Amino acid sequence: MKQIKSLFIVWTGCIFTSCVKQSSPYVLDIPDKIETAKADRYQSVRVKGTCLFVIPPQGFVQAEKQNALTYNETLYIYFSEAEKQNVNHTIDVVLERLRQLYTYEKDGYWKIFELNGYKALATHLKCENEEAELSVIFGNQFYSAQVECRYPLAYPSLQEILLKSMLTVYVDTVFKELAIDDMAYYTIDLSGTDFKLAYYSNNTYIFIQ
């Protein structure tokens, strides 16, 4: 009888431990490899000022004068990209910082995976004011992009909606010139100079002489 009682305690203890581990609000369910279906791309929209496309969460629209989608101007998903930036270096720097500031699965979560053929890093981190931050970084040796959003932890279903949308992101460099024109709210008189536009990156215009 004592043996049965002991086994029962161990068994229930294992169940309790498993439940505690899975109850972390920061753990994300992300496959090792994601390929955005071509059929889904018909639902995608290009984010202003970028070559990035995404299927927006319901109710989100393009933010005015920002590389972002917004819901009622209270919740934002920000998009950025950079040329001549090695994503391997970016991810290494981010991971080193995360390990210093967060306890894995307790108040932060991160995972390296493949997104549309690019190396990617997803993070889900505890923030102040009962908020959490979702982020996806992806790219290659010559290009890096990031999607990020802060949301209230009190709405766990919102996290699923945001992440599902963020993981549909893909890049199409055919729209590079249009992305530059999107955010050109100023003019520069380059007459009489040898300066010319070198490249556009993350709403920044780089000129060389």
N, C-alpha and C. Protein backbone atom coordinates (compact mmCIF):
# COMPACT_ATOMS: atom_id res chain seq x y z
N MET A 1 0.84 -1.21 0.00
CA MET A 1 0.00 0.00 0.00
C MET A 1 0.87 1.26 0.00
N LYS A 2 1.97 1.19 0.74
CA LYS A 2 2.87 2.34 0.79
C LYS A 2 3.51 2.58 -0.57
N GLN A 3 3.83 1.51 -1.29
CA GLN A 3 4.43 1.66 -2.61
C GLN A 3 3.47 2.35 -3.57
N ILE A 4 2.22 1.98 -3.53
CA ILE A 4 1.22 2.61 -4.39
C ILE A 4 1.10 4.09 -4.09
N LYS A 5 1.10 4.42 -2.81
CA LYS A 5 1.00 5.82 -2.40
C LYS A 5 2.19 6.62 -2.91
N SER A 6 3.39 6.04 -2.83
CA SER A 6 4.60 6.73 -3.29
C SER A 6 4.55 6.97 -4.79
N LEU A 7 4.11 5.97 -5.54
CA LEU A 7 4.01 6.12 -6.99
C LEU A 7 3.02 7.20 -7.37
N PHE A 8 1.94 7.26 -6.62
CA PHE A 8 0.92 8.27 -6.88
C PHE A 8 1.47 9.67 -6.68
N ILE A 9 2.28 9.86 -5.66
CA ILE A 9 2.86 11.17 -5.36
C ILE A 9 3.82 11.58 -6.47
N VAL A 10 4.66 10.64 -6.91
CA VAL A 10 5.61 10.93 -7.97
C VAL A 10 4.88 11.27 -9.27
N TRP A 11 3.85 10.50 -9.60
CA TRP A 11 3.10 10.71 -10.84
C TRP A 11 2.43 12.08 -10.86
N THR A 12 1.75 12.44 -9.79
CA THR A 12 1.09 13.75 -9.73
C THR A 12 2.10 14.87 -9.72
N GLY A 13 3.26 14.62 -9.11
CA GLY A 13 4.31 15.63 -9.10
C GLY A 13 4.82 15.92 -10.49
N CYS A 14 4.96 14.88 -11.31
CA CYS A 14 5.41 15.07 -12.69
C CYS A 14 4.41 15.87 -13.50
N ILE A 15 3.13 15.58 -13.29
CA ILE A 15 2.09 16.32 -14.00
C ILE A 15 2.12 17.79 -13.62
N PHE A 16 2.29 18.05 -12.33
CA PHE A 16 2.32 19.43 -11.86
C PHE A 16 3.51 20.18 -12.44
N THR A 17 4.67 19.52 -12.46
CA THR A 17 5.87 20.15 -13.00
C THR A 17 5.69 20.48 -14.48
N SER A 18 5.10 19.54 -15.22
CA SER A 18 4.86 19.76 -16.64
C SER A 18 3.94 20.93 -16.88
N CYS A 19 2.90 21.04 -16.07
CA CYS A 19 1.93 22.14 -16.23
C CYS A 19 2.57 23.48 -15.94
N VAL A 20 3.43 23.52 -14.93
CA VAL A 20 4.08 24.78 -14.58
C VAL A 20 4.96 25.26 -15.73
N LYS A 21 5.72 24.29 -16.32
CA LYS A 21 6.62 24.66 -17.41
C LYS A 21 5.85 25.19 -18.61
N GLN A 22 4.72 24.56 -18.93
CA GLN A 22 3.95 24.96 -20.09
C GLN A 22 3.14 26.23 -19.86
N SER A 23 3.00 26.64 -18.59
CA SER A 23 2.17 27.80 -18.29
C SER A 23 2.90 29.12 -18.52
N SER A 24 4.20 29.08 -18.85
CA SER A 24 4.93 30.31 -19.10
C SER A 24 4.28 31.09 -20.23
N PRO A 25 3.99 32.36 -20.02
CA PRO A 25 3.33 33.15 -21.07
C PRO A 25 4.27 33.57 -22.19
N TYR A 26 5.57 33.25 -22.06
CA TYR A 26 6.54 33.72 -23.04
C TYR A 26 6.94 32.68 -24.07
N VAL A 27 6.70 31.40 -23.77
CA VAL A 27 7.08 30.34 -24.71
C VAL A 27 6.25 30.44 -25.99
N LEU A 28 6.91 30.36 -27.13
CA LEU A 28 6.24 30.45 -28.43
C LEU A 28 6.28 29.11 -29.15
N ASP A 29 5.23 28.81 -29.86
CA ASP A 29 5.17 27.60 -30.65
C ASP A 29 5.53 27.94 -32.09
N ILE A 30 6.81 27.80 -32.44
CA ILE A 30 7.30 28.16 -33.76
C ILE A 30 8.01 26.96 -34.38
N PRO A 31 7.62 26.53 -35.57
CA PRO A 31 8.31 25.40 -36.22
C PRO A 31 9.74 25.78 -36.60
N ASP A 32 10.56 24.78 -36.88
CA ASP A 32 11.96 25.03 -37.23
C ASP A 32 12.11 25.67 -38.60
N LYS A 33 11.11 25.49 -39.45
CA LYS A 33 11.18 26.04 -40.80
C LYS A 33 9.80 26.52 -41.23
N ILE A 34 9.74 27.75 -41.74
CA ILE A 34 8.48 28.34 -42.20
C ILE A 34 8.66 28.83 -43.62
N GLU A 35 7.75 28.45 -44.49
CA GLU A 35 7.74 28.92 -45.87
C GLU A 35 6.38 29.54 -46.13
N THR A 36 6.35 30.86 -46.34
CA THR A 36 5.09 31.54 -46.60
C THR A 36 4.48 31.01 -47.89
N ALA A 37 3.29 30.47 -47.78
CA ALA A 37 2.63 29.89 -48.96
C ALA A 37 2.36 30.96 -50.00
N LYS A 38 2.61 30.63 -51.26
CA LYS A 38 2.38 31.60 -52.33
C LYS A 38 0.92 32.03 -52.40
N ALA A 39 0.03 31.13 -52.08
CA ALA A 39 -1.40 31.47 -52.12
C ALA A 39 -1.71 32.56 -51.09
N ASP A 40 -1.05 32.49 -49.95
CA ASP A 40 -1.29 33.48 -48.89
C ASP A 40 -0.78 34.86 -49.28
N ARG A 41 0.16 34.91 -50.20
CA ARG A 41 0.76 36.19 -50.56
C ARG A 41 -0.22 37.12 -51.26
N TYR A 42 -1.31 36.58 -51.76
CA TYR A 42 -2.33 37.43 -52.35
C TYR A 42 -3.05 38.23 -51.27
N GLN A 43 -2.94 37.80 -50.02
CA GLN A 43 -3.56 38.52 -48.91
C GLN A 43 -2.60 39.51 -48.27
N SER A 44 -1.34 39.48 -48.70
CA SER A 44 -0.31 40.31 -48.08
C SER A 44 -0.38 41.76 -48.56
N VAL A 45 0.12 42.65 -47.73
CA VAL A 45 0.25 44.06 -48.09
C VAL A 45 1.70 44.48 -47.85
N ARG A 46 2.17 45.42 -48.65
CA ARG A 46 3.52 45.94 -48.44
C ARG A 46 3.49 47.05 -47.40
N VAL A 47 4.41 46.98 -46.47
CA VAL A 47 4.49 48.00 -45.43
C VAL A 47 5.20 49.22 -46.00
N LYS A 48 4.60 50.37 -45.86
CA LYS A 48 5.11 51.61 -46.43
C LYS A 48 6.56 51.86 -46.01
N GLY A 49 7.38 52.26 -46.98
CA GLY A 49 8.77 52.57 -46.69
C GLY A 49 9.68 51.37 -46.62
N THR A 50 9.17 50.19 -46.96
CA THR A 50 9.97 48.97 -46.92
C THR A 50 9.67 48.09 -48.12
N CYS A 51 10.46 47.03 -48.25
CA CYS A 51 10.19 45.99 -49.25
C CYS A 51 9.57 44.78 -48.57
N LEU A 52 9.03 44.98 -47.39
CA LEU A 52 8.48 43.89 -46.59
C LEU A 52 6.98 43.77 -46.78
N PHE A 53 6.52 42.54 -46.93
CA PHE A 53 5.11 42.23 -47.08
C PHE A 53 4.66 41.37 -45.90
N VAL A 54 3.40 41.51 -45.51
CA VAL A 54 2.87 40.75 -44.39
C VAL A 54 1.36 40.66 -44.51
N ILE A 55 0.79 39.60 -43.94
CA ILE A 55 -0.66 39.52 -43.84
C ILE A 55 -1.05 40.18 -42.52
N PRO A 56 -1.70 41.34 -42.54
CA PRO A 56 -1.97 42.08 -41.30
C PRO A 56 -3.01 41.37 -40.44
N PRO A 57 -2.92 41.54 -39.13
CA PRO A 57 -4.01 41.07 -38.26
C PRO A 57 -5.27 41.87 -38.60
N GLN A 58 -6.42 41.30 -38.37
CA GLN A 58 -7.67 41.97 -38.68
C GLN A 58 -7.76 43.31 -37.95
N GLY A 59 -8.11 44.36 -38.68
CA GLY A 59 -8.26 45.68 -38.08
C GLY A 59 -7.02 46.55 -38.14
N PHE A 60 -5.86 45.98 -38.50
CA PHE A 60 -4.62 46.75 -38.59
C PHE A 60 -4.51 47.40 -39.97
N VAL A 61 -4.07 48.67 -39.98
CA VAL A 61 -3.91 49.41 -41.23
C VAL A 61 -2.54 50.07 -41.23
N GLN A 62 -2.14 50.57 -42.39
CA GLN A 62 -0.86 51.26 -42.52
C GLN A 62 -0.86 52.53 -41.66
N ALA A 63 0.19 52.68 -40.86
CA ALA A 63 0.34 53.89 -40.04
C ALA A 63 0.82 55.05 -40.91
N GLU A 64 0.34 56.23 -40.62
CA GLU A 64 0.72 57.39 -41.41
C GLU A 64 2.15 57.80 -41.09
N LYS A 65 2.98 57.94 -42.13
CA LYS A 65 4.36 58.39 -42.02
C LYS A 65 5.21 57.52 -41.11
N GLN A 66 4.89 56.23 -41.00
CA GLN A 66 5.70 55.31 -40.21
C GLN A 66 5.79 53.97 -40.93
N ASN A 67 6.91 53.29 -40.71
CA ASN A 67 7.06 51.94 -41.25
C ASN A 67 6.35 50.99 -40.29
N ALA A 68 5.05 51.06 -40.24
CA ALA A 68 4.30 50.30 -39.23
C ALA A 68 2.86 50.08 -39.65
N LEU A 69 2.26 49.05 -39.03
CA LEU A 69 0.82 48.84 -39.10
C LEU A 69 0.27 49.18 -37.72
N THR A 70 -0.94 49.72 -37.67
CA THR A 70 -1.49 50.13 -36.39
C THR A 70 -2.95 49.74 -36.26
N TYR A 71 -3.34 49.55 -35.02
CA TYR A 71 -4.75 49.29 -34.70
C TYR A 71 -5.24 50.45 -33.84
N ASN A 72 -6.09 51.29 -34.43
CA ASN A 72 -6.66 52.45 -33.73
C ASN A 72 -5.60 53.36 -33.13
N GLU A 73 -4.41 53.37 -33.71
CA GLU A 73 -3.30 54.21 -33.25
C GLU A 73 -2.95 53.96 -31.78
N THR A 74 -3.24 52.76 -31.31
CA THR A 74 -2.90 52.41 -29.93
C THR A 74 -1.94 51.22 -29.88
N LEU A 75 -2.00 50.37 -30.90
CA LEU A 75 -1.15 49.19 -30.96
C LEU A 75 -0.43 49.21 -32.31
N TYR A 76 0.90 49.04 -32.28
CA TYR A 76 1.68 49.15 -33.50
C TYR A 76 2.55 47.91 -33.73
N ILE A 77 2.69 47.53 -34.99
CA ILE A 77 3.68 46.54 -35.41
C ILE A 77 4.67 47.29 -36.29
N TYR A 78 5.92 47.37 -35.84
CA TYR A 78 6.93 48.15 -36.54
C TYR A 78 7.79 47.24 -37.44
N PHE A 79 8.18 47.78 -38.59
CA PHE A 79 8.97 47.05 -39.57
C PHE A 79 10.22 47.87 -39.92
N SER A 80 11.36 47.22 -40.00
CA SER A 80 12.59 47.91 -40.40
C SER A 80 13.46 46.95 -41.20
N GLU A 81 14.30 47.51 -42.04
CA GLU A 81 15.22 46.69 -42.83
C GLU A 81 16.51 47.46 -43.05
N ALA A 82 17.58 46.75 -43.27
CA ALA A 82 18.88 47.38 -43.46
C ALA A 82 19.71 46.60 -44.45
N GLU A 83 20.23 47.30 -45.43
CA GLU A 83 21.15 46.68 -46.37
C GLU A 83 22.55 46.69 -45.77
N LYS A 84 23.41 45.83 -46.32
CA LYS A 84 24.81 45.76 -45.90
C LYS A 84 24.94 45.45 -44.41
N GLN A 85 23.98 44.72 -43.87
CA GLN A 85 24.02 44.33 -42.46
C GLN A 85 23.87 42.81 -42.36
N ASN A 86 24.88 42.16 -41.81
CA ASN A 86 24.92 40.71 -41.69
C ASN A 86 24.02 40.24 -40.55
N VAL A 87 22.99 39.48 -40.87
CA VAL A 87 22.03 39.07 -39.85
C VAL A 87 22.67 38.11 -38.84
N ASN A 88 23.70 37.38 -39.24
CA ASN A 88 24.39 36.49 -38.30
C ASN A 88 25.00 37.29 -37.15
N HIS A 89 25.63 38.40 -37.49
CA HIS A 89 26.21 39.27 -36.46
C HIS A 89 25.12 39.87 -35.59
N THR A 90 24.04 40.33 -36.23
CA THR A 90 22.93 40.92 -35.48
C THR A 90 22.36 39.93 -34.48
N ILE A 91 22.10 38.71 -34.92
CA ILE A 91 21.52 37.69 -34.05
C ILE A 91 22.46 37.33 -32.90
N ASP A 92 23.76 37.23 -33.19
CA ASP A 92 24.74 36.92 -32.14
C ASP A 92 24.74 37.99 -31.05
N VAL A 93 24.69 39.25 -31.46
CA VAL A 93 24.67 40.36 -30.50
C VAL A 93 23.40 40.33 -29.66
N VAL A 94 22.27 40.10 -30.32
CA VAL A 94 20.99 40.06 -29.61
C VAL A 94 20.96 38.91 -28.61
N LEU A 95 21.40 37.72 -29.01
CA LEU A 95 21.38 36.56 -28.12
C LEU A 95 22.26 36.77 -26.90
N GLU A 96 23.42 37.36 -27.11
CA GLU A 96 24.32 37.63 -25.98
C GLU A 96 23.65 38.56 -24.97
N ARG A 97 22.96 39.56 -25.48
CA ARG A 97 22.27 40.51 -24.61
C ARG A 97 21.10 39.85 -23.88
N LEU A 98 20.36 39.02 -24.59
CA LEU A 98 19.20 38.35 -23.99
C LEU A 98 19.62 37.45 -22.82
N ARG A 99 20.70 36.72 -23.00
CA ARG A 99 21.17 35.80 -21.96
C ARG A 99 21.64 36.54 -20.71
N GLN A 100 22.01 37.80 -20.88
CA GLN A 100 22.43 38.62 -19.75
C GLN A 100 21.24 39.18 -18.98
N LEU A 101 20.17 39.45 -19.69
CA LEU A 101 19.04 40.17 -19.08
C LEU A 101 17.84 39.31 -18.72
N TYR A 102 17.70 38.15 -19.37
CA TYR A 102 16.49 37.35 -19.18
C TYR A 102 16.81 35.90 -18.80
N THR A 103 15.89 35.30 -18.09
CA THR A 103 15.96 33.87 -17.79
C THR A 103 15.09 33.14 -18.79
N TYR A 104 15.71 32.23 -19.54
CA TYR A 104 15.01 31.55 -20.62
C TYR A 104 13.74 30.86 -20.13
N GLU A 105 12.63 31.16 -20.77
CA GLU A 105 11.29 30.64 -20.52
C GLU A 105 10.65 31.21 -19.25
N LYS A 106 11.41 31.88 -18.40
CA LYS A 106 10.81 32.48 -17.21
C LYS A 106 10.28 33.87 -17.52
N ASP A 107 11.14 34.73 -18.01
CA ASP A 107 10.70 36.08 -18.39
C ASP A 107 11.12 36.44 -19.82
N GLY A 108 11.55 35.43 -20.56
CA GLY A 108 11.93 35.65 -21.95
C GLY A 108 12.05 34.35 -22.70
N TYR A 109 11.89 34.42 -24.01
CA TYR A 109 11.99 33.22 -24.84
C TYR A 109 12.57 33.64 -26.18
N TRP A 110 13.43 32.76 -26.75
CA TRP A 110 13.98 33.04 -28.06
C TRP A 110 14.24 31.74 -28.79
N LYS A 111 14.15 31.81 -30.12
CA LYS A 111 14.37 30.63 -30.94
C LYS A 111 14.90 31.02 -32.31
N ILE A 112 15.91 30.27 -32.77
CA ILE A 112 16.44 30.44 -34.12
C ILE A 112 15.72 29.45 -35.03
N PHE A 113 15.28 29.93 -36.19
CA PHE A 113 14.57 29.07 -37.13
C PHE A 113 14.81 29.59 -38.54
N GLU A 114 14.16 29.01 -39.52
CA GLU A 114 14.31 29.44 -40.91
C GLU A 114 12.99 30.02 -41.40
N LEU A 115 13.06 31.22 -41.98
CA LEU A 115 11.87 31.91 -42.46
C LEU A 115 12.06 32.26 -43.93
N ASN A 116 11.33 31.56 -44.79
CA ASN A 116 11.41 31.80 -46.23
C ASN A 116 12.85 31.76 -46.75
N GLY A 117 13.62 30.81 -46.25
CA GLY A 117 14.99 30.64 -46.71
C GLY A 117 16.00 31.52 -45.99
N TYR A 118 15.55 32.40 -45.10
CA TYR A 118 16.44 33.27 -44.34
C TYR A 118 16.63 32.74 -42.92
N LYS A 119 17.80 33.00 -42.36
CA LYS A 119 18.01 32.71 -40.95
C LYS A 119 17.19 33.70 -40.14
N ALA A 120 16.51 33.22 -39.09
CA ALA A 120 15.62 34.09 -38.33
C ALA A 120 15.73 33.82 -36.84
N LEU A 121 15.42 34.83 -36.06
CA LEU A 121 15.38 34.74 -34.60
C LEU A 121 14.09 35.36 -34.12
N ALA A 122 13.30 34.60 -33.36
CA ALA A 122 12.08 35.12 -32.75
C ALA A 122 12.32 35.30 -31.26
N THR A 123 11.85 36.40 -30.70
CA THR A 123 11.98 36.65 -29.26
C THR A 123 10.64 37.08 -28.69
N HIS A 124 10.44 36.75 -27.42
CA HIS A 124 9.23 37.13 -26.69
C HIS A 124 9.68 37.49 -25.29
N LEU A 125 9.62 38.76 -24.93
CA LEU A 125 10.28 39.24 -23.73
C LEU A 125 9.35 40.02 -22.80
N LYS A 126 9.62 39.90 -21.53
CA LYS A 126 8.87 40.66 -20.52
C LYS A 126 9.31 42.12 -20.57
N CYS A 127 8.34 43.02 -20.52
CA CYS A 127 8.62 44.46 -20.49
C CYS A 127 7.98 45.08 -19.25
N GLU A 128 8.15 46.36 -19.10
CA GLU A 128 7.53 47.08 -17.98
C GLU A 128 6.05 47.27 -18.26
N ASN A 129 5.33 47.70 -17.23
CA ASN A 129 3.90 48.04 -17.34
C ASN A 129 3.05 46.87 -17.83
N GLU A 130 3.41 45.65 -17.38
CA GLU A 130 2.62 44.46 -17.74
C GLU A 130 2.49 44.29 -19.25
N GLU A 131 3.58 44.57 -19.95
CA GLU A 131 3.61 44.39 -21.40
C GLU A 131 4.66 43.35 -21.78
N ALA A 132 4.53 42.84 -22.99
CA ALA A 132 5.52 41.93 -23.55
C ALA A 132 5.88 42.41 -24.95
N GLU A 133 7.07 42.03 -25.40
CA GLU A 133 7.51 42.42 -26.74
C GLU A 133 7.77 41.19 -27.59
N LEU A 134 7.17 41.18 -28.76
CA LEU A 134 7.39 40.14 -29.76
C LEU A 134 8.30 40.71 -30.85
N SER A 135 9.25 39.90 -31.30
CA SER A 135 10.16 40.39 -32.33
C SER A 135 10.60 39.23 -33.22
N VAL A 136 10.74 39.52 -34.51
CA VAL A 136 11.28 38.55 -35.46
C VAL A 136 12.36 39.26 -36.28
N ILE A 137 13.58 38.74 -36.23
CA ILE A 137 14.69 39.26 -37.01
C ILE A 137 15.05 38.20 -38.06
N PHE A 138 15.27 38.61 -39.29
CA PHE A 138 15.66 37.64 -40.31
C PHE A 138 16.51 38.31 -41.38
N GLY A 139 17.24 37.51 -42.15
CA GLY A 139 18.06 38.05 -43.22
C GLY A 139 19.18 37.11 -43.61
N ASN A 140 20.20 37.68 -44.27
CA ASN A 140 21.36 36.90 -44.69
C ASN A 140 22.62 37.73 -44.46
N GLN A 141 23.69 37.43 -45.19
CA GLN A 141 24.95 38.14 -44.97
C GLN A 141 24.90 39.60 -45.41
N PHE A 142 23.94 39.94 -46.27
CA PHE A 142 23.92 41.28 -46.85
C PHE A 142 22.65 42.06 -46.54
N TYR A 143 21.77 41.46 -45.77
CA TYR A 143 20.48 42.11 -45.53
C TYR A 143 19.91 41.65 -44.20
N SER A 144 19.27 42.59 -43.49
CA SER A 144 18.65 42.25 -42.21
C SER A 144 17.34 43.01 -42.08
N ALA A 145 16.33 42.34 -41.54
CA ALA A 145 15.02 42.98 -41.33
C ALA A 145 14.49 42.59 -39.96
N GLN A 146 13.61 43.44 -39.43
CA GLN A 146 13.03 43.17 -38.12
C GLN A 146 11.58 43.60 -38.07
N VAL A 147 10.77 42.78 -37.40
CA VAL A 147 9.37 43.09 -37.13
C VAL A 147 9.20 43.01 -35.62
N GLU A 148 8.58 44.01 -35.00
CA GLU A 148 8.43 43.98 -33.55
C GLU A 148 7.13 44.65 -33.11
N CYS A 149 6.66 44.23 -31.96
CA CYS A 149 5.41 44.77 -31.44
C CYS A 149 5.35 44.58 -29.93
N ARG A 150 4.84 45.58 -29.22
CA ARG A 150 4.56 45.46 -27.79
C ARG A 150 3.06 45.35 -27.60
N TYR A 151 2.66 44.50 -26.67
CA TYR A 151 1.24 44.31 -26.43
C TYR A 151 1.01 44.02 -24.95
N PRO A 152 -0.20 44.25 -24.42
CA PRO A 152 -0.49 43.98 -23.01
C PRO A 152 -0.59 42.49 -22.72
N LEU A 153 0.14 42.01 -21.71
CA LEU A 153 0.15 40.60 -21.35
C LEU A 153 -1.22 40.09 -20.91
N ALA A 154 -2.08 41.02 -20.53
CA ALA A 154 -3.41 40.63 -20.05
C ALA A 154 -4.26 40.00 -21.15
N TYR A 155 -3.80 40.09 -22.40
CA TYR A 155 -4.55 39.56 -23.53
C TYR A 155 -3.71 38.51 -24.26
N PRO A 156 -3.61 37.30 -23.71
CA PRO A 156 -2.78 36.25 -24.33
C PRO A 156 -3.24 35.87 -25.73
N SER A 157 -4.52 35.98 -26.02
CA SER A 157 -5.00 35.64 -27.36
C SER A 157 -4.45 36.62 -28.39
N LEU A 158 -4.16 37.84 -27.96
CA LEU A 158 -3.60 38.84 -28.85
C LEU A 158 -2.20 38.44 -29.29
N GLN A 159 -1.45 37.82 -28.39
CA GLN A 159 -0.10 37.36 -28.72
C GLN A 159 -0.13 36.38 -29.89
N GLU A 160 -1.08 35.47 -29.87
CA GLU A 160 -1.20 34.48 -30.93
C GLU A 160 -1.54 35.14 -32.26
N ILE A 161 -2.41 36.12 -32.22
CA ILE A 161 -2.82 36.83 -33.44
C ILE A 161 -1.64 37.60 -34.03
N LEU A 162 -0.90 38.30 -33.17
CA LEU A 162 0.24 39.09 -33.63
C LEU A 162 1.34 38.20 -34.20
N LEU A 163 1.68 37.13 -33.47
CA LEU A 163 2.75 36.25 -33.92
C LEU A 163 2.40 35.59 -35.25
N LYS A 164 1.17 35.15 -35.39
CA LYS A 164 0.74 34.52 -36.63
C LYS A 164 0.94 35.46 -37.81
N SER A 165 0.62 36.73 -37.62
CA SER A 165 0.80 37.72 -38.67
C SER A 165 2.28 37.97 -38.94
N MET A 166 3.07 38.17 -37.89
CA MET A 166 4.49 38.49 -38.03
C MET A 166 5.26 37.40 -38.76
N LEU A 167 4.83 36.15 -38.61
CA LEU A 167 5.53 35.04 -39.25
C LEU A 167 5.16 34.88 -40.72
N THR A 168 4.27 35.74 -41.23
CA THR A 168 3.97 35.73 -42.66
C THR A 168 4.84 36.73 -43.42
N VAL A 169 5.73 37.42 -42.74
CA VAL A 169 6.54 38.47 -43.37
C VAL A 169 7.50 37.88 -44.39
N TYR A 170 7.64 38.58 -45.52
CA TYR A 170 8.65 38.21 -46.51
C TYR A 170 9.10 39.48 -47.24
N VAL A 171 10.24 39.40 -47.92
CA VAL A 171 10.82 40.56 -48.58
C VAL A 171 10.79 40.37 -50.09
N ASP A 172 10.53 41.47 -50.79
CA ASP A 172 10.56 41.48 -52.25
C ASP A 172 11.28 42.76 -52.69
N THR A 173 12.55 42.64 -53.04
CA THR A 173 13.37 43.82 -53.34
C THR A 173 12.98 44.52 -54.64
N VAL A 174 12.06 43.94 -55.40
CA VAL A 174 11.57 44.60 -56.61
C VAL A 174 10.97 45.96 -56.27
N PHE A 175 10.49 46.10 -55.03
CA PHE A 175 9.80 47.33 -54.61
C PHE A 175 10.74 48.33 -53.93
N LYS A 176 12.05 48.16 -54.12
CA LYS A 176 13.02 49.03 -53.45
C LYS A 176 12.82 50.50 -53.79
N GLU A 177 12.69 50.83 -55.07
CA GLU A 177 12.54 52.23 -55.46
C GLU A 177 11.24 52.82 -54.92
N LEU A 178 10.18 52.04 -54.94
CA LEU A 178 8.91 52.52 -54.41
C LEU A 178 9.00 52.74 -52.90
N ALA A 179 9.74 51.88 -52.22
CA ALA A 179 9.93 52.03 -50.77
C ALA A 179 10.65 53.33 -50.45
N ILE A 180 11.62 53.69 -51.29
CA ILE A 180 12.35 54.95 -51.10
C ILE A 180 11.41 56.13 -51.30
N ASP A 181 10.60 56.07 -52.32
CA ASP A 181 9.67 57.17 -52.61
C ASP A 181 8.61 57.33 -51.53
N ASP A 182 8.22 56.24 -50.90
CA ASP A 182 7.16 56.29 -49.88
C ASP A 182 7.43 57.32 -48.79
N MET A 183 8.66 57.35 -48.33
CA MET A 183 8.98 58.17 -47.16
C MET A 183 9.75 59.44 -47.51
N ALA A 184 9.78 59.80 -48.77
CA ALA A 184 10.52 60.99 -49.20
C ALA A 184 9.69 62.26 -48.99
N TYR A 185 9.61 62.69 -47.73
CA TYR A 185 8.82 63.88 -47.40
C TYR A 185 9.67 65.15 -47.46
N TYR A 186 10.86 65.06 -48.01
CA TYR A 186 11.74 66.21 -48.10
C TYR A 186 12.47 66.14 -49.43
N THR A 187 13.10 67.23 -49.81
CA THR A 187 13.92 67.25 -51.02
C THR A 187 15.30 67.79 -50.67
N ILE A 188 16.29 67.31 -51.37
CA ILE A 188 17.67 67.78 -51.17
C ILE A 188 18.22 68.24 -52.51
N ASP A 189 18.72 69.44 -52.53
CA ASP A 189 19.30 69.98 -53.74
C ASP A 189 20.76 69.53 -53.82
N LEU A 190 21.02 68.58 -54.70
CA LEU A 190 22.37 68.05 -54.84
C LEU A 190 23.10 68.67 -56.03
N SER A 191 22.48 69.68 -56.66
CA SER A 191 23.11 70.32 -57.82
C SER A 191 24.40 71.02 -57.36
N GLY A 192 25.42 70.92 -58.18
CA GLY A 192 26.70 71.54 -57.83
C GLY A 192 27.52 70.69 -56.87
N THR A 193 27.07 69.47 -56.59
CA THR A 193 27.81 68.56 -55.71
C THR A 193 28.05 67.24 -56.43
N ASP A 194 28.90 66.44 -55.85
CA ASP A 194 29.17 65.12 -56.41
C ASP A 194 28.46 64.03 -55.62
N PHE A 195 27.53 64.43 -54.74
CA PHE A 195 26.82 63.45 -53.93
C PHE A 195 25.74 62.75 -54.76
N LYS A 196 25.53 61.47 -54.46
CA LYS A 196 24.45 60.72 -55.08
C LYS A 196 23.92 59.69 -54.08
N LEU A 197 22.69 59.29 -54.28
CA LEU A 197 22.08 58.32 -53.38
C LEU A 197 22.76 56.96 -53.53
N ALA A 198 23.27 56.43 -52.42
CA ALA A 198 23.94 55.12 -52.44
C ALA A 198 22.92 54.01 -52.19
N TYR A 199 22.18 54.11 -51.10
CA TYR A 199 21.14 53.13 -50.81
C TYR A 199 20.22 53.66 -49.72
N TYR A 200 19.08 53.02 -49.62
CA TYR A 200 18.08 53.37 -48.62
C TYR A 200 17.99 52.24 -47.61
N SER A 201 17.94 52.57 -46.32
CA SER A 201 17.87 51.53 -45.30
C SER A 201 17.14 52.04 -44.08
N ASN A 202 16.05 51.36 -43.72
CA ASN A 202 15.33 51.67 -42.48
C ASN A 202 14.97 53.15 -42.39
N ASN A 203 14.35 53.65 -43.44
CA ASN A 203 13.92 55.05 -43.49
C ASN A 203 15.10 56.02 -43.40
N THR A 204 16.28 55.58 -43.79
CA THR A 204 17.47 56.43 -43.81
C THR A 204 18.04 56.42 -45.22
N TYR A 205 18.35 57.61 -45.74
CA TYR A 205 18.86 57.74 -47.08
C TYR A 205 20.36 57.98 -46.99
N ILE A 206 21.15 57.11 -47.60
CA ILE A 206 22.60 57.19 -47.53
C ILE A 206 23.13 57.75 -48.84
N PHE A 207 23.88 58.86 -48.74
CA PHE A 207 24.47 59.49 -49.91
C PHE A 207 25.99 59.36 -49.85
N ILE A 208 26.62 59.21 -51.03
CA ILE A 208 28.08 59.15 -51.08
C ILE A 208 28.58 60.15 -52.10
N GLN A 209 29.85 60.50 -51.97
CA GLN A 209 30.48 61.46 -52.88
C GLN A 209 31.47 60.75 -53.78
